[in-house]
Amino acid sequence: MTDDTMLYDRSNMPSGRGVPSSEPKLSADPTRGPVSGADRESMSYPSLSSQGLVEIEIPLRNVGSGPFRVAKVLVRNVGQHISRHVEARLPTGDAHLEFSHFVGVVKAQELLSADAQRRMDNLATRLAGSRNPEIIFTEEIQPWLASLQPKAR
């Protein structure tokens, strides 16, 4: 039986600190430490923000007793994301619940202007009271979601 564990005292690393002298040494500024995870998440890039290239987390509606889920979506794709989820719920009859969930998410994350939020509320009410939600969705909600221009973050 052979032992495949590596013995560091017999490795091919050079003696000393383990860094060959031919490699350039990086000089670090002692006043700046590494960027923490919290700092990375709070970094903002104004040029990317104006183009909608900021990624946000949107909570998904919890169906059943499964775990809480979130989706990471670019701000500019929020309308498409909502449209896909609502359309997937049309056959089950839960489309109005799904759309109402996203109305709350959009309000909480302040993604739309006040006028757009009022329009979304109105569409949610129409969808909930409709006998034929497929028509309301395809003729009103889907085109409106495709035209959304979320606020720059």
N, C-alpha and C. Protein backbone atom coordinates (compact mmCIF):
# COMPACT_ATOMS: atom_id res chain seq x y z
N MET A 1 0.84 -1.17 0.00
CA MET A 1 0.00 0.00 0.00
C MET A 1 0.89 1.24 0.00
N THR A 2 0.56 2.19 -0.90
CA THR A 2 1.37 3.41 -1.00
C THR A 2 0.63 4.57 -0.39
N ASP A 3 1.37 5.46 0.16
CA ASP A 3 0.79 6.66 0.78
C ASP A 3 0.91 7.79 -0.24
N ASP A 4 -0.25 8.34 -0.69
CA ASP A 4 -0.26 9.39 -1.71
C ASP A 4 -0.27 10.79 -1.12
N THR A 5 -0.08 10.95 0.15
CA THR A 5 -0.07 12.29 0.74
C THR A 5 1.21 13.00 0.38
N MET A 6 1.12 14.29 0.24
CA MET A 6 2.29 15.08 -0.16
C MET A 6 3.07 15.50 1.08
N LEU A 7 4.34 15.30 1.01
CA LEU A 7 5.22 15.74 2.08
C LEU A 7 5.81 17.08 1.66
N TYR A 8 5.50 18.11 2.41
CA TYR A 8 5.92 19.45 2.02
C TYR A 8 7.42 19.66 2.18
N ASP A 9 8.04 18.92 3.05
CA ASP A 9 9.49 19.09 3.18
C ASP A 9 10.22 18.46 2.00
N ARG A 10 9.57 17.64 1.19
CA ARG A 10 10.20 17.02 0.02
C ARG A 10 9.59 17.52 -1.29
N SER A 11 8.85 18.63 -1.25
CA SER A 11 8.21 19.12 -2.46
C SER A 11 9.21 19.85 -3.34
N ASN A 12 8.79 20.23 -4.54
CA ASN A 12 9.68 20.92 -5.47
C ASN A 12 9.64 22.43 -5.30
N MET A 13 9.02 22.93 -4.24
CA MET A 13 9.00 24.37 -3.98
C MET A 13 10.38 24.82 -3.53
N PRO A 14 10.79 26.02 -3.96
CA PRO A 14 12.09 26.51 -3.51
C PRO A 14 12.09 26.78 -2.02
N SER A 15 13.25 26.70 -1.45
CA SER A 15 13.36 26.95 -0.01
C SER A 15 13.13 28.44 0.24
N GLY A 16 12.84 28.77 1.47
CA GLY A 16 12.59 30.16 1.82
C GLY A 16 11.10 30.40 1.94
N ARG A 17 10.63 31.49 1.37
CA ARG A 17 9.22 31.84 1.47
C ARG A 17 8.34 31.14 0.44
N GLY A 18 8.88 30.43 -0.47
CA GLY A 18 8.08 29.71 -1.44
C GLY A 18 7.79 30.50 -2.70
N VAL A 19 8.27 31.75 -2.78
CA VAL A 19 8.04 32.56 -3.97
C VAL A 19 9.38 32.69 -4.69
N PRO A 20 9.47 32.21 -5.92
CA PRO A 20 10.73 32.34 -6.64
C PRO A 20 11.11 33.81 -6.80
N SER A 21 12.39 34.09 -6.76
CA SER A 21 12.84 35.48 -6.80
C SER A 21 12.64 36.10 -8.17
N SER A 22 12.41 35.30 -9.22
CA SER A 22 12.23 35.87 -10.55
C SER A 22 10.84 36.49 -10.73
N GLU A 23 9.88 36.15 -9.88
CA GLU A 23 8.54 36.71 -10.01
C GLU A 23 8.50 38.09 -9.36
N PRO A 24 7.81 39.05 -9.97
CA PRO A 24 7.73 40.37 -9.36
C PRO A 24 6.87 40.31 -8.09
N LYS A 25 7.28 41.08 -7.12
CA LYS A 25 6.52 41.14 -5.87
C LYS A 25 5.49 42.25 -5.98
N LEU A 26 4.30 41.95 -5.51
CA LEU A 26 3.24 42.95 -5.54
C LEU A 26 3.36 43.84 -4.32
N SER A 27 3.29 45.13 -4.52
CA SER A 27 3.35 46.04 -3.39
C SER A 27 1.93 46.44 -3.03
N ALA A 28 1.56 46.16 -1.84
CA ALA A 28 0.20 46.49 -1.39
C ALA A 28 0.24 47.73 -0.52
N ASP A 29 -0.77 48.54 -0.64
CA ASP A 29 -0.91 49.72 0.18
C ASP A 29 -1.39 49.26 1.55
N PRO A 30 -0.61 49.47 2.61
CA PRO A 30 -1.01 48.97 3.93
C PRO A 30 -2.25 49.66 4.49
N THR A 31 -2.62 50.82 3.96
CA THR A 31 -3.81 51.50 4.47
C THR A 31 -5.09 50.93 3.89
N ARG A 32 -4.98 50.18 2.82
CA ARG A 32 -6.15 49.59 2.19
C ARG A 32 -6.11 48.09 2.34
N GLY A 33 -7.14 47.55 2.90
CA GLY A 33 -7.24 46.11 3.03
C GLY A 33 -7.99 45.54 1.84
N PRO A 34 -8.22 44.25 1.86
CA PRO A 34 -8.99 43.65 0.78
C PRO A 34 -10.43 44.15 0.80
N VAL A 35 -11.07 44.12 -0.33
CA VAL A 35 -12.46 44.55 -0.44
C VAL A 35 -13.34 43.45 0.12
N SER A 36 -14.15 43.80 1.10
CA SER A 36 -15.02 42.79 1.70
C SER A 36 -16.24 42.55 0.81
N GLY A 37 -16.95 41.48 1.08
CA GLY A 37 -18.14 41.14 0.30
C GLY A 37 -19.19 42.23 0.37
N ALA A 38 -19.38 42.82 1.55
CA ALA A 38 -20.38 43.88 1.70
C ALA A 38 -20.01 45.10 0.87
N ASP A 39 -18.70 45.42 0.82
CA ASP A 39 -18.27 46.57 0.03
C ASP A 39 -18.46 46.32 -1.46
N ARG A 40 -18.20 45.08 -1.89
CA ARG A 40 -18.38 44.74 -3.31
C ARG A 40 -19.83 44.92 -3.72
N GLU A 41 -20.76 44.50 -2.87
CA GLU A 41 -22.17 44.57 -3.21
C GLU A 41 -22.68 46.01 -3.24
N SER A 42 -22.04 46.89 -2.47
CA SER A 42 -22.52 48.26 -2.43
C SER A 42 -21.83 49.16 -3.44
N MET A 43 -20.90 48.61 -4.22
CA MET A 43 -20.24 49.42 -5.23
C MET A 43 -21.24 49.77 -6.32
N SER A 44 -21.18 50.99 -6.79
CA SER A 44 -22.07 51.36 -7.88
C SER A 44 -21.25 51.95 -9.01
N TYR A 45 -21.69 51.68 -10.20
CA TYR A 45 -21.02 52.17 -11.38
C TYR A 45 -22.03 53.00 -12.15
N PRO A 46 -21.95 54.33 -12.07
CA PRO A 46 -22.96 55.19 -12.67
C PRO A 46 -23.20 54.93 -14.16
N SER A 47 -22.15 54.64 -14.91
CA SER A 47 -22.34 54.43 -16.35
C SER A 47 -23.14 53.15 -16.59
N LEU A 48 -22.92 52.11 -15.80
CA LEU A 48 -23.66 50.88 -15.95
C LEU A 48 -25.09 51.05 -15.45
N SER A 49 -25.27 51.83 -14.40
CA SER A 49 -26.60 52.05 -13.84
C SER A 49 -27.51 52.73 -14.84
N SER A 50 -27.00 53.70 -15.56
CA SER A 50 -27.83 54.42 -16.53
C SER A 50 -28.26 53.52 -17.68
N GLN A 51 -27.52 52.45 -17.93
CA GLN A 51 -27.87 51.51 -18.99
C GLN A 51 -28.72 50.35 -18.48
N GLY A 52 -29.00 50.33 -17.18
CA GLY A 52 -29.80 49.25 -16.62
C GLY A 52 -29.01 47.98 -16.40
N LEU A 53 -27.71 48.07 -16.31
CA LEU A 53 -26.87 46.89 -16.15
C LEU A 53 -26.53 46.60 -14.70
N VAL A 54 -27.39 47.02 -13.81
CA VAL A 54 -27.21 46.74 -12.39
C VAL A 54 -28.04 45.51 -12.06
N GLU A 55 -27.44 44.57 -11.37
CA GLU A 55 -28.14 43.34 -11.01
C GLU A 55 -28.80 43.49 -9.65
N ILE A 56 -30.07 43.10 -9.58
CA ILE A 56 -30.80 43.15 -8.32
C ILE A 56 -31.35 41.76 -8.02
N GLU A 57 -31.70 41.56 -6.77
CA GLU A 57 -32.34 40.31 -6.37
C GLU A 57 -33.83 40.55 -6.20
N ILE A 58 -34.62 39.72 -6.86
CA ILE A 58 -36.07 39.82 -6.77
C ILE A 58 -36.59 38.56 -6.08
N PRO A 59 -37.31 38.72 -4.97
CA PRO A 59 -37.88 37.53 -4.34
C PRO A 59 -38.98 36.94 -5.20
N LEU A 60 -38.98 35.62 -5.31
CA LEU A 60 -40.00 34.92 -6.07
C LEU A 60 -41.14 34.53 -5.14
N ARG A 61 -42.33 34.43 -5.70
CA ARG A 61 -43.50 34.05 -4.90
C ARG A 61 -43.32 32.61 -4.45
N ASN A 62 -43.50 32.41 -3.15
CA ASN A 62 -43.32 31.08 -2.58
C ASN A 62 -44.59 30.26 -2.81
N VAL A 63 -44.48 29.23 -3.63
CA VAL A 63 -45.61 28.36 -3.94
C VAL A 63 -45.40 27.07 -3.15
N GLY A 64 -46.33 26.77 -2.28
CA GLY A 64 -46.18 25.58 -1.46
C GLY A 64 -45.31 25.84 -0.25
N SER A 65 -44.70 24.78 0.23
CA SER A 65 -43.89 24.91 1.44
C SER A 65 -42.41 24.86 1.14
N GLY A 66 -42.03 25.17 -0.09
CA GLY A 66 -40.62 25.13 -0.47
C GLY A 66 -39.83 26.26 0.17
N PRO A 67 -38.52 26.25 -0.03
CA PRO A 67 -37.68 27.30 0.55
C PRO A 67 -37.88 28.63 -0.16
N PHE A 68 -37.55 29.70 0.52
CA PHE A 68 -37.63 31.05 -0.03
C PHE A 68 -36.62 31.15 -1.17
N ARG A 69 -37.04 31.68 -2.31
CA ARG A 69 -36.16 31.76 -3.47
C ARG A 69 -36.06 33.20 -3.96
N VAL A 70 -34.93 33.53 -4.54
CA VAL A 70 -34.74 34.83 -5.17
C VAL A 70 -34.16 34.62 -6.56
N ALA A 71 -34.38 35.58 -7.43
CA ALA A 71 -33.80 35.57 -8.77
C ALA A 71 -32.95 36.81 -8.92
N LYS A 72 -31.80 36.65 -9.55
CA LYS A 72 -30.94 37.80 -9.84
C LYS A 72 -31.24 38.24 -11.26
N VAL A 73 -31.62 39.52 -11.38
CA VAL A 73 -32.09 40.05 -12.65
C VAL A 73 -31.44 41.42 -12.88
N LEU A 74 -31.10 41.69 -14.13
CA LEU A 74 -30.66 43.04 -14.47
C LEU A 74 -31.86 43.97 -14.40
N VAL A 75 -31.64 45.18 -13.95
CA VAL A 75 -32.74 46.14 -13.80
C VAL A 75 -33.47 46.32 -15.12
N ARG A 76 -32.74 46.37 -16.20
CA ARG A 76 -33.40 46.60 -17.49
C ARG A 76 -34.25 45.42 -17.95
N ASN A 77 -34.08 44.24 -17.35
CA ASN A 77 -34.83 43.05 -17.74
C ASN A 77 -35.97 42.71 -16.78
N VAL A 78 -36.30 43.61 -15.88
CA VAL A 78 -37.33 43.34 -14.88
C VAL A 78 -38.67 43.06 -15.54
N GLY A 79 -39.04 43.84 -16.54
CA GLY A 79 -40.32 43.63 -17.22
C GLY A 79 -40.41 42.26 -17.87
N GLN A 80 -39.34 41.84 -18.53
CA GLN A 80 -39.31 40.52 -19.17
C GLN A 80 -39.41 39.41 -18.13
N HIS A 81 -38.73 39.61 -17.02
CA HIS A 81 -38.74 38.61 -15.95
C HIS A 81 -40.16 38.43 -15.39
N ILE A 82 -40.82 39.55 -15.11
CA ILE A 82 -42.18 39.49 -14.58
C ILE A 82 -43.10 38.84 -15.61
N SER A 83 -42.95 39.21 -16.86
CA SER A 83 -43.80 38.67 -17.92
C SER A 83 -43.68 37.15 -18.01
N ARG A 84 -42.46 36.64 -17.95
CA ARG A 84 -42.25 35.18 -18.01
C ARG A 84 -42.93 34.47 -16.86
N HIS A 85 -42.79 35.01 -15.66
CA HIS A 85 -43.37 34.36 -14.48
C HIS A 85 -44.90 34.40 -14.50
N VAL A 86 -45.48 35.52 -14.90
CA VAL A 86 -46.93 35.63 -14.95
C VAL A 86 -47.47 34.72 -16.06
N GLU A 87 -46.82 34.71 -17.20
CA GLU A 87 -47.27 33.86 -18.30
C GLU A 87 -47.23 32.38 -17.92
N ALA A 88 -46.24 31.98 -17.15
CA ALA A 88 -46.14 30.59 -16.71
C ALA A 88 -47.30 30.21 -15.78
N ARG A 89 -47.88 31.19 -15.10
CA ARG A 89 -48.98 30.93 -14.16
C ARG A 89 -50.36 31.04 -14.80
N LEU A 90 -50.44 31.46 -16.04
CA LEU A 90 -51.75 31.57 -16.71
C LEU A 90 -52.52 30.24 -16.73
N PRO A 91 -51.90 29.13 -17.10
CA PRO A 91 -52.66 27.87 -17.14
C PRO A 91 -53.18 27.41 -15.78
N THR A 92 -52.50 27.78 -14.71
CA THR A 92 -52.92 27.33 -13.38
C THR A 92 -53.96 28.24 -12.75
N GLY A 93 -54.20 29.41 -13.33
CA GLY A 93 -55.16 30.35 -12.77
C GLY A 93 -54.58 31.23 -11.68
N ASP A 94 -53.27 31.16 -11.47
CA ASP A 94 -52.60 31.96 -10.44
C ASP A 94 -51.91 33.20 -10.99
N ALA A 95 -52.19 33.56 -12.21
CA ALA A 95 -51.49 34.69 -12.84
C ALA A 95 -51.71 35.98 -12.07
N HIS A 96 -52.94 36.20 -11.58
CA HIS A 96 -53.21 37.44 -10.84
C HIS A 96 -52.43 37.47 -9.52
N LEU A 97 -52.23 36.32 -8.89
CA LEU A 97 -51.44 36.28 -7.65
C LEU A 97 -49.97 36.57 -7.94
N GLU A 98 -49.48 36.00 -9.03
CA GLU A 98 -48.08 36.21 -9.41
C GLU A 98 -47.84 37.68 -9.75
N PHE A 99 -48.75 38.27 -10.53
CA PHE A 99 -48.59 39.67 -10.91
C PHE A 99 -48.71 40.58 -9.69
N SER A 100 -49.63 40.28 -8.80
CA SER A 100 -49.77 41.08 -7.57
C SER A 100 -48.52 41.00 -6.71
N HIS A 101 -47.89 39.83 -6.69
CA HIS A 101 -46.64 39.67 -5.95
C HIS A 101 -45.58 40.62 -6.52
N PHE A 102 -45.46 40.64 -7.84
CA PHE A 102 -44.44 41.50 -8.46
C PHE A 102 -44.79 42.98 -8.35
N VAL A 103 -46.07 43.32 -8.23
CA VAL A 103 -46.45 44.72 -7.96
C VAL A 103 -45.82 45.15 -6.63
N GLY A 104 -45.93 44.29 -5.63
CA GLY A 104 -45.33 44.59 -4.32
C GLY A 104 -43.82 44.66 -4.37
N VAL A 105 -43.20 43.77 -5.13
CA VAL A 105 -41.73 43.76 -5.24
C VAL A 105 -41.24 45.04 -5.90
N VAL A 106 -41.90 45.43 -6.99
CA VAL A 106 -41.49 46.64 -7.70
C VAL A 106 -41.65 47.88 -6.82
N LYS A 107 -42.72 47.92 -6.03
CA LYS A 107 -42.92 49.05 -5.10
C LYS A 107 -41.84 49.06 -4.03
N ALA A 108 -41.59 47.89 -3.45
CA ALA A 108 -40.61 47.81 -2.36
C ALA A 108 -39.22 48.19 -2.83
N GLN A 109 -38.86 47.81 -4.04
CA GLN A 109 -37.52 48.10 -4.54
C GLN A 109 -37.44 49.44 -5.27
N GLU A 110 -38.59 50.14 -5.34
CA GLU A 110 -38.65 51.46 -5.97
C GLU A 110 -38.04 51.46 -7.37
N LEU A 111 -38.48 50.51 -8.19
CA LEU A 111 -37.94 50.38 -9.54
C LEU A 111 -38.64 51.27 -10.56
N LEU A 112 -39.87 51.66 -10.28
CA LEU A 112 -40.65 52.42 -11.24
C LEU A 112 -41.06 53.77 -10.67
N SER A 113 -41.44 54.65 -11.58
CA SER A 113 -41.95 55.96 -11.16
C SER A 113 -43.33 55.78 -10.53
N ALA A 114 -43.83 56.80 -9.89
CA ALA A 114 -45.14 56.73 -9.24
C ALA A 114 -46.25 56.46 -10.26
N ASP A 115 -46.16 57.08 -11.44
CA ASP A 115 -47.16 56.86 -12.49
C ASP A 115 -47.15 55.41 -12.96
N ALA A 116 -45.96 54.87 -13.16
CA ALA A 116 -45.85 53.48 -13.61
C ALA A 116 -46.35 52.52 -12.53
N GLN A 117 -46.11 52.84 -11.27
CA GLN A 117 -46.61 51.99 -10.19
C GLN A 117 -48.14 52.01 -10.14
N ARG A 118 -48.73 53.19 -10.35
CA ARG A 118 -50.20 53.27 -10.39
C ARG A 118 -50.76 52.46 -11.55
N ARG A 119 -50.10 52.53 -12.69
CA ARG A 119 -50.54 51.75 -13.86
C ARG A 119 -50.43 50.25 -13.57
N MET A 120 -49.37 49.85 -12.90
CA MET A 120 -49.19 48.44 -12.57
C MET A 120 -50.27 47.98 -11.59
N ASP A 121 -50.60 48.81 -10.61
CA ASP A 121 -51.71 48.50 -9.68
C ASP A 121 -53.02 48.32 -10.43
N ASN A 122 -53.29 49.24 -11.36
CA ASN A 122 -54.51 49.18 -12.15
C ASN A 122 -54.56 47.89 -12.97
N LEU A 123 -53.44 47.52 -13.59
CA LEU A 123 -53.39 46.29 -14.38
C LEU A 123 -53.60 45.04 -13.50
N ALA A 124 -53.06 45.09 -12.29
CA ALA A 124 -53.23 43.95 -11.36
C ALA A 124 -54.70 43.79 -10.98
N THR A 125 -55.38 44.90 -10.75
CA THR A 125 -56.81 44.86 -10.42
C THR A 125 -57.61 44.32 -11.59
N ARG A 126 -57.29 44.78 -12.80
CA ARG A 126 -57.99 44.28 -14.00
C ARG A 126 -57.76 42.80 -14.21
N LEU A 127 -56.52 42.34 -13.99
CA LEU A 127 -56.21 40.92 -14.17
C LEU A 127 -56.95 40.07 -13.15
N ALA A 128 -57.01 40.53 -11.92
CA ALA A 128 -57.67 39.77 -10.86
C ALA A 128 -59.17 39.66 -11.10
N GLY A 129 -59.79 40.70 -11.68
CA GLY A 129 -61.22 40.69 -11.89
C GLY A 129 -61.66 40.18 -13.25
N SER A 130 -60.71 39.74 -14.06
CA SER A 130 -61.03 39.33 -15.43
C SER A 130 -61.51 37.89 -15.51
N ARG A 131 -62.48 37.65 -16.39
CA ARG A 131 -62.93 36.27 -16.65
C ARG A 131 -61.96 35.56 -17.59
N ASN A 132 -61.27 36.35 -18.40
CA ASN A 132 -60.32 35.78 -19.35
C ASN A 132 -58.96 36.46 -19.17
N PRO A 133 -58.16 36.00 -18.20
CA PRO A 133 -56.88 36.67 -17.91
C PRO A 133 -55.87 36.59 -19.06
N GLU A 134 -56.00 35.59 -19.93
CA GLU A 134 -55.06 35.48 -21.05
C GLU A 134 -55.15 36.69 -21.97
N ILE A 135 -56.38 37.17 -22.20
CA ILE A 135 -56.56 38.33 -23.08
C ILE A 135 -55.99 39.59 -22.44
N ILE A 136 -56.30 39.81 -21.17
CA ILE A 136 -55.76 40.98 -20.46
C ILE A 136 -54.23 40.92 -20.46
N PHE A 137 -53.68 39.74 -20.22
CA PHE A 137 -52.22 39.59 -20.18
C PHE A 137 -51.59 39.88 -21.54
N THR A 138 -52.08 39.23 -22.59
CA THR A 138 -51.45 39.37 -23.91
C THR A 138 -51.69 40.73 -24.55
N GLU A 139 -52.84 41.35 -24.29
CA GLU A 139 -53.15 42.61 -24.96
C GLU A 139 -52.72 43.85 -24.18
N GLU A 140 -52.64 43.75 -22.86
CA GLU A 140 -52.31 44.94 -22.07
C GLU A 140 -51.04 44.79 -21.24
N ILE A 141 -50.99 43.73 -20.45
CA ILE A 141 -49.87 43.61 -19.49
C ILE A 141 -48.55 43.31 -20.19
N GLN A 142 -48.54 42.33 -21.06
CA GLN A 142 -47.29 41.94 -21.72
C GLN A 142 -46.66 43.09 -22.52
N PRO A 143 -47.43 43.81 -23.37
CA PRO A 143 -46.81 44.95 -24.08
C PRO A 143 -46.33 46.04 -23.13
N TRP A 144 -47.10 46.28 -22.05
CA TRP A 144 -46.68 47.31 -21.11
C TRP A 144 -45.39 46.91 -20.40
N LEU A 145 -45.28 45.65 -19.99
CA LEU A 145 -44.06 45.19 -19.34
C LEU A 145 -42.86 45.26 -20.29
N ALA A 146 -43.08 44.97 -21.57
CA ALA A 146 -42.00 45.04 -22.55
C ALA A 146 -41.51 46.47 -22.76
N SER A 147 -42.39 47.44 -22.52
CA SER A 147 -42.01 48.84 -22.72
C SER A 147 -41.43 49.51 -21.47
N LEU A 148 -41.36 48.78 -20.37
CA LEU A 148 -40.89 49.39 -19.12
C LEU A 148 -39.46 49.90 -19.21
N GLN A 149 -39.23 51.02 -18.63
CA GLN A 149 -37.89 51.59 -18.49
C GLN A 149 -37.68 51.86 -17.01
N PRO A 150 -37.15 50.89 -16.24
CA PRO A 150 -36.96 51.10 -14.81
C PRO A 150 -36.05 52.28 -14.52
N LYS A 151 -36.23 52.85 -13.34
CA LYS A 151 -35.41 53.99 -12.92
C LYS A 151 -33.97 53.55 -12.75
N ALA A 152 -33.04 54.43 -13.07
CA ALA A 152 -31.63 54.16 -12.84
C ALA A 152 -31.39 54.07 -11.35
N ARG A 153 -30.55 53.16 -10.94
CA ARG A 153 -30.29 52.94 -9.52
C ARG A 153 -29.03 53.63 -9.11
